[in-house]
């Protein structure tokens, strides 16, 4: 049986997963949100801002923020980065076959229940 999500467009797959991309916020300081050089798109670091512009979590995972809330915050930041890419490209299907989404979440060193980075 053929794996349907491998043949669908990136935009369709996001929709199938029930992910709604927000309108990306404007830059909060003196930086650009995205920069395209040739056929590479660079997206600046994204915060875990909800649709009201409020932080989903604030602090260190394992100290101030639970692992579960940290995972939710990381998901929101990743969705915000994808929304920035869509805003820059007009359509995520223009992103090509693959792209990297490097990310980090501030956490207490050697926090239990978390893999080492």
Protein backbone atom coordinates (compact mmCIF):
# COMPACT_ATOMS: atom_id res chain seq x y z
CA UNK A 1 0.00 0.00 0.00
CA UNK A 2 1.30 3.41 -0.94
CA UNK A 3 2.08 5.91 1.84
CA UNK A 4 -0.30 8.79 1.01
CA UNK A 5 1.39 11.47 3.09
CA UNK A 6 4.61 11.04 1.11
CA UNK A 7 2.89 11.92 -2.16
CA UNK A 8 0.79 14.84 -0.94
CA UNK A 9 1.93 18.42 -1.00
CA UNK A 10 3.44 20.02 2.07
CA UNK A 11 0.45 22.36 2.33
CA UNK A 12 -1.97 19.41 2.15
CA UNK A 13 -0.02 17.45 4.76
CA UNK A 14 -0.11 20.38 7.22
CA UNK A 15 -3.86 20.55 6.73
CA UNK A 16 -4.25 16.78 7.18
CA UNK A 17 -2.41 17.04 10.49
CA UNK A 18 -4.85 19.71 11.66
CA UNK A 19 -2.13 22.34 11.94
CA UNK A 20 -3.30 25.90 11.39
CA UNK A 21 -0.49 28.26 10.52
CA UNK A 22 -0.89 31.69 12.12
CA UNK A 23 -0.21 34.99 10.42
CA UNK A 24 3.43 35.46 11.41
CA UNK A 25 4.16 38.41 13.69
CA UNK A 26 6.24 41.34 12.51
CA UNK A 27 9.87 41.46 13.63
CA UNK A 28 10.07 42.63 17.25
CA UNK A 29 13.48 44.27 16.82
CA UNK A 30 16.02 45.23 14.18
CA UNK A 31 16.14 41.96 12.22
CA UNK A 32 14.42 40.36 9.28
CA UNK A 33 12.22 37.31 9.82
CA UNK A 34 13.39 35.54 6.68
CA UNK A 35 16.12 35.87 4.13
CA UNK A 36 16.27 34.04 0.83
CA UNK A 37 19.66 33.49 -0.79
CA UNK A 38 19.42 31.62 -4.06
CA UNK A 39 17.12 28.69 -3.44
CA UNK A 40 17.73 28.61 0.34
CA UNK A 41 15.37 30.27 2.79
CA UNK A 42 16.65 31.19 6.23
CA UNK A 43 14.11 31.81 8.99
CA UNK A 44 15.14 33.71 12.11
CA UNK A 45 14.63 32.20 15.54
CA UNK A 46 11.01 32.13 16.59
CA UNK A 47 9.44 32.52 20.01
CA UNK A 48 6.61 30.40 21.33
CA UNK A 49 4.03 33.14 20.82
CA UNK A 50 0.39 32.12 20.66
CA UNK A 51 -2.12 33.74 18.30
CA UNK A 52 -2.65 36.56 20.84
CA UNK A 53 1.08 37.34 20.83
CA UNK A 54 1.63 35.95 24.35
CA UNK A 55 4.38 33.53 25.32
CA UNK A 56 3.13 29.97 25.71
CA UNK A 57 5.83 29.29 28.32
CA UNK A 58 8.59 31.32 29.95
CA UNK A 59 11.58 29.95 31.83
CA UNK A 60 13.74 26.86 31.83
CA UNK A 61 12.25 23.47 31.07
CA UNK A 62 12.62 21.26 34.10
CA UNK A 63 12.91 24.23 36.45
CA UNK A 64 10.23 26.84 35.68
CA UNK A 65 8.36 24.99 32.94
CA UNK A 66 7.16 21.37 32.89
CA UNK A 67 8.42 19.03 30.19
CA UNK A 68 4.89 18.88 28.74
CA UNK A 69 4.56 22.69 28.60
CA UNK A 70 8.06 22.90 27.13
CA UNK A 71 7.07 20.47 24.38
CA UNK A 72 3.95 22.54 23.66
CA UNK A 73 6.06 25.72 23.52
CA UNK A 74 8.56 24.08 21.14
CA UNK A 75 5.70 22.98 18.88
CA UNK A 76 4.28 26.52 18.79
CA UNK A 77 7.72 27.97 17.95
CA UNK A 78 8.18 25.41 15.15
CA UNK A 79 4.73 26.19 13.73
CA UNK A 80 5.61 29.90 13.85
CA UNK A 81 8.82 29.21 11.90
CA UNK A 82 6.85 27.29 9.26
CA UNK A 83 4.36 30.19 9.09
CA UNK A 84 7.27 32.58 8.46
CA UNK A 85 8.49 30.32 5.64
CA UNK A 86 5.03 30.26 4.09
CA UNK A 87 4.77 34.06 4.30
CA UNK A 88 8.13 34.42 2.56
CA UNK A 89 7.48 31.82 -0.15
CA UNK A 90 3.76 32.36 -0.65
CA UNK A 91 3.24 28.59 -0.59
CA UNK A 92 5.11 25.88 1.31
CA UNK A 93 5.16 23.64 -1.74
CA UNK A 94 7.82 25.98 -3.11
CA UNK A 95 10.14 24.78 -0.33
CA UNK A 96 11.29 21.81 -2.39
CA UNK A 97 11.86 18.30 -1.16
CA UNK A 98 13.20 19.01 2.31
CA UNK A 99 14.43 21.64 4.68
CA UNK A 100 16.06 21.85 8.08
CA UNK A 101 14.31 23.27 11.10
CA UNK A 102 17.00 23.69 13.75
CA UNK A 103 15.60 24.56 17.15
CA UNK A 104 16.51 24.68 20.79
CA UNK A 105 14.59 25.06 24.01
CA UNK A 106 16.13 26.54 27.14
CA UNK A 107 16.29 23.90 29.83
CA UNK A 108 17.90 23.17 33.13
CA UNK A 109 21.19 21.28 32.61
CA UNK A 110 20.79 17.51 32.98
CA UNK A 111 17.07 17.82 33.48
CA UNK A 112 15.51 14.41 34.20
CA UNK A 113 13.16 12.92 31.61
CA UNK A 114 14.82 14.87 28.80
CA UNK A 115 17.35 13.62 26.25
CA UNK A 116 20.79 15.23 26.28
CA UNK A 117 21.31 17.76 23.51
